[in-house]
Amino acid sequence: MTHVSIIGSGNMGQAIAAVVAKGGNTVELFNSTDKDKPVTGEVVILATASTRPSARCSPTGRISWPARSSSTSVTR
């Protein structure tokens, strides 16, 4: 059994989570409000919209979402 972290809890993130869980794995979903939640998955899937820059996960497990009104990132 593998622990999977999915960054993005929209339609695609939820669909991927359902398939991963059906395969007997554990899943955690992240959205933009999960600012202090560490990413602990052995596998990390980025399932964010392609219409804007994607979220980033640093090696320390912190998630960074780009600010909507500028090109700078907002670390959560």
N, C-alpha and C. Protein backbone atom coordinates (compact mmCIF):
# COMPACT_ATOMS: atom_id res chain seq x y z
N MET A 1 0.84 -1.18 0.00
CA MET A 1 0.00 0.00 0.00
C MET A 1 0.89 1.24 0.00
N THR A 2 0.54 2.22 -0.83
CA THR A 2 1.31 3.45 -0.98
C THR A 2 0.48 4.62 -0.49
N HIS A 3 1.15 5.59 0.13
CA HIS A 3 0.49 6.82 0.57
C HIS A 3 0.70 7.87 -0.52
N VAL A 4 -0.41 8.41 -1.05
CA VAL A 4 -0.36 9.34 -2.17
C VAL A 4 -0.91 10.70 -1.75
N SER A 5 -0.15 11.77 -2.03
CA SER A 5 -0.59 13.14 -1.80
C SER A 5 -0.98 13.73 -3.14
N ILE A 6 -2.17 14.33 -3.21
CA ILE A 6 -2.63 14.96 -4.44
C ILE A 6 -2.82 16.44 -4.17
N ILE A 7 -2.07 17.26 -4.89
CA ILE A 7 -2.19 18.71 -4.75
C ILE A 7 -3.18 19.18 -5.81
N GLY A 8 -4.34 19.59 -5.33
CA GLY A 8 -5.44 20.00 -6.19
C GLY A 8 -6.64 19.13 -5.90
N SER A 9 -7.69 19.73 -5.33
CA SER A 9 -8.87 18.94 -4.94
C SER A 9 -10.07 19.21 -5.82
N GLY A 10 -9.82 19.66 -7.04
CA GLY A 10 -10.91 19.88 -8.01
C GLY A 10 -11.36 18.57 -8.63
N ASN A 11 -12.01 18.68 -9.77
CA ASN A 11 -12.55 17.48 -10.43
C ASN A 11 -11.47 16.44 -10.72
N MET A 12 -10.34 16.87 -11.27
CA MET A 12 -9.28 15.92 -11.62
C MET A 12 -8.66 15.31 -10.36
N GLY A 13 -8.38 16.15 -9.36
CA GLY A 13 -7.81 15.64 -8.12
C GLY A 13 -8.70 14.61 -7.46
N GLN A 14 -10.00 14.88 -7.43
CA GLN A 14 -10.95 13.94 -6.83
C GLN A 14 -11.06 12.65 -7.62
N ALA A 15 -11.01 12.75 -8.95
CA ALA A 15 -11.07 11.55 -9.79
C ALA A 15 -9.83 10.68 -9.59
N ILE A 16 -8.67 11.31 -9.54
CA ILE A 16 -7.43 10.57 -9.31
C ILE A 16 -7.47 9.93 -7.93
N ALA A 17 -7.93 10.67 -6.93
CA ALA A 17 -8.02 10.15 -5.56
C ALA A 17 -8.90 8.91 -5.49
N ALA A 18 -10.01 8.94 -6.22
CA ALA A 18 -10.92 7.79 -6.21
C ALA A 18 -10.26 6.54 -6.79
N VAL A 19 -9.53 6.71 -7.88
CA VAL A 19 -8.85 5.57 -8.51
C VAL A 19 -7.73 5.04 -7.61
N VAL A 20 -6.97 5.96 -7.02
CA VAL A 20 -5.86 5.57 -6.13
C VAL A 20 -6.40 4.82 -4.91
N ALA A 21 -7.47 5.34 -4.30
CA ALA A 21 -8.06 4.69 -3.13
C ALA A 21 -8.66 3.34 -3.48
N LYS A 22 -9.28 3.25 -4.66
CA LYS A 22 -9.86 1.98 -5.10
C LYS A 22 -8.79 0.90 -5.24
N GLY A 23 -7.56 1.33 -5.54
CA GLY A 23 -6.44 0.40 -5.66
C GLY A 23 -5.86 -0.01 -4.32
N GLY A 24 -6.47 0.45 -3.21
CA GLY A 24 -6.03 0.03 -1.89
C GLY A 24 -4.97 0.93 -1.27
N ASN A 25 -4.76 2.09 -1.83
CA ASN A 25 -3.77 3.03 -1.32
C ASN A 25 -4.44 4.10 -0.47
N THR A 26 -3.64 4.77 0.37
CA THR A 26 -4.17 5.88 1.15
C THR A 26 -3.93 7.16 0.38
N VAL A 27 -4.86 8.12 0.53
CA VAL A 27 -4.82 9.35 -0.25
C VAL A 27 -5.05 10.55 0.66
N GLU A 28 -4.31 11.64 0.40
CA GLU A 28 -4.60 12.92 1.03
C GLU A 28 -4.68 13.97 -0.06
N LEU A 29 -5.73 14.80 0.00
CA LEU A 29 -5.94 15.87 -0.98
C LEU A 29 -5.54 17.20 -0.38
N PHE A 30 -4.93 18.05 -1.17
CA PHE A 30 -4.54 19.39 -0.74
C PHE A 30 -5.24 20.42 -1.62
N ASN A 31 -5.65 21.54 -1.00
CA ASN A 31 -6.14 22.67 -1.78
C ASN A 31 -5.45 23.93 -1.27
N SER A 32 -5.83 25.07 -1.78
CA SER A 32 -5.12 26.30 -1.45
C SER A 32 -5.26 26.74 0.00
N THR A 33 -6.15 26.12 0.76
CA THR A 33 -6.29 26.48 2.17
C THR A 33 -5.41 25.64 3.09
N ASP A 34 -4.75 24.65 2.54
CA ASP A 34 -3.89 23.76 3.34
C ASP A 34 -2.49 24.32 3.51
N LYS A 35 -2.42 25.52 4.05
CA LYS A 35 -1.15 26.24 4.10
C LYS A 35 -0.12 25.64 5.03
N ASP A 36 -0.51 24.99 6.10
CA ASP A 36 0.45 24.45 7.06
C ASP A 36 0.48 22.93 7.09
N LYS A 37 -0.19 22.31 6.17
CA LYS A 37 -0.27 20.84 6.13
C LYS A 37 0.93 20.29 5.37
N PRO A 38 1.75 19.45 6.02
CA PRO A 38 2.92 18.90 5.31
C PRO A 38 2.50 17.86 4.26
N VAL A 39 3.24 17.80 3.19
CA VAL A 39 3.01 16.80 2.14
C VAL A 39 3.79 15.56 2.55
N THR A 40 3.07 14.48 2.83
CA THR A 40 3.72 13.28 3.38
C THR A 40 3.66 12.07 2.46
N GLY A 41 3.10 12.23 1.27
CA GLY A 41 2.94 11.09 0.37
C GLY A 41 4.24 10.55 -0.18
N GLU A 42 4.29 9.25 -0.36
CA GLU A 42 5.42 8.62 -1.04
C GLU A 42 5.39 8.98 -2.52
N VAL A 43 4.18 9.22 -3.02
CA VAL A 43 3.95 9.68 -4.39
C VAL A 43 3.17 10.98 -4.28
N VAL A 44 3.60 12.01 -5.02
CA VAL A 44 2.91 13.30 -5.02
C VAL A 44 2.43 13.59 -6.44
N ILE A 45 1.13 13.88 -6.57
CA ILE A 45 0.53 14.16 -7.87
C ILE A 45 0.06 15.61 -7.89
N LEU A 46 0.44 16.33 -8.92
CA LEU A 46 0.02 17.72 -9.08
C LEU A 46 -1.17 17.75 -10.03
N ALA A 47 -2.35 18.08 -9.49
CA ALA A 47 -3.59 18.08 -10.29
C ALA A 47 -4.24 19.46 -10.21
N THR A 48 -3.52 20.46 -10.72
CA THR A 48 -4.04 21.82 -10.70
C THR A 48 -4.40 22.26 -12.11
N ALA A 49 -5.19 23.32 -12.20
CA ALA A 49 -5.63 23.83 -13.50
C ALA A 49 -4.45 24.30 -14.32
N SER A 50 -4.50 24.07 -15.61
CA SER A 50 -3.40 24.47 -16.49
C SER A 50 -3.56 25.89 -17.01
N THR A 51 -4.62 26.57 -16.61
CA THR A 51 -4.85 27.93 -17.10
C THR A 51 -4.07 28.98 -16.32
N ARG A 52 -3.44 28.58 -15.23
CA ARG A 52 -2.58 29.49 -14.46
C ARG A 52 -1.39 28.69 -13.96
N PRO A 53 -0.33 29.35 -13.51
CA PRO A 53 0.83 28.61 -13.02
C PRO A 53 0.44 27.65 -11.91
N SER A 54 1.09 26.51 -11.88
CA SER A 54 0.75 25.45 -10.93
C SER A 54 1.35 25.66 -9.56
N ALA A 55 0.77 24.96 -8.60
CA ALA A 55 1.30 24.95 -7.25
C ALA A 55 2.66 24.25 -7.26
N ARG A 56 3.47 24.58 -6.31
CA ARG A 56 4.79 23.96 -6.19
C ARG A 56 4.96 23.40 -4.79
N CYS A 57 5.67 22.31 -4.68
CA CYS A 57 5.96 21.73 -3.38
C CYS A 57 7.46 21.70 -3.20
N SER A 58 7.93 22.31 -2.11
CA SER A 58 9.37 22.35 -1.85
C SER A 58 9.81 21.03 -1.23
N PRO A 59 11.12 20.77 -1.20
CA PRO A 59 11.61 19.54 -0.57
C PRO A 59 11.25 19.43 0.91
N THR A 60 10.93 20.56 1.55
CA THR A 60 10.55 20.53 2.96
C THR A 60 9.08 20.22 3.16
N GLY A 61 8.34 20.08 2.05
CA GLY A 61 6.93 19.73 2.16
C GLY A 61 6.00 20.93 2.20
N ARG A 62 6.50 22.14 1.99
CA ARG A 62 5.65 23.33 1.96
C ARG A 62 5.10 23.53 0.56
N ILE A 63 3.83 23.92 0.48
CA ILE A 63 3.17 24.14 -0.80
C ILE A 63 3.16 25.63 -1.11
N SER A 64 3.44 25.97 -2.35
CA SER A 64 3.44 27.37 -2.77
C SER A 64 2.51 27.53 -3.96
N TRP A 65 1.52 28.44 -3.83
CA TRP A 65 0.61 28.76 -4.93
C TRP A 65 0.97 30.13 -5.46
N PRO A 66 1.02 30.30 -6.76
CA PRO A 66 1.28 31.63 -7.32
C PRO A 66 0.14 32.59 -6.96
N ALA A 67 0.49 33.84 -6.68
CA ALA A 67 -0.54 34.85 -6.43
C ALA A 67 -1.32 35.07 -7.73
N ARG A 68 -2.60 35.29 -7.63
CA ARG A 68 -3.44 35.43 -8.82
C ARG A 68 -3.19 36.75 -9.56
N SER A 69 -2.83 37.80 -8.84
CA SER A 69 -2.73 39.10 -9.49
C SER A 69 -1.31 39.51 -9.87
N SER A 70 -0.34 38.67 -9.59
CA SER A 70 1.04 39.01 -9.95
C SER A 70 1.81 37.74 -10.28
N SER A 71 3.06 37.91 -10.65
CA SER A 71 3.87 36.75 -11.01
C SER A 71 4.64 36.20 -9.82
N THR A 72 4.48 36.77 -8.64
CA THR A 72 5.18 36.27 -7.46
C THR A 72 4.38 35.15 -6.81
N SER A 73 5.07 34.27 -6.12
CA SER A 73 4.42 33.15 -5.45
C SER A 73 4.07 33.51 -4.01
N VAL A 74 3.00 32.90 -3.53
CA VAL A 74 2.59 33.04 -2.15
C VAL A 74 2.82 31.71 -1.49
N THR A 75 3.69 31.65 -0.50
CA THR A 75 3.98 30.40 0.18
C THR A 75 2.94 30.17 1.27
N ARG A 76 2.42 28.97 1.30
CA ARG A 76 1.39 28.63 2.28
C ARG A 76 1.94 27.64 3.25
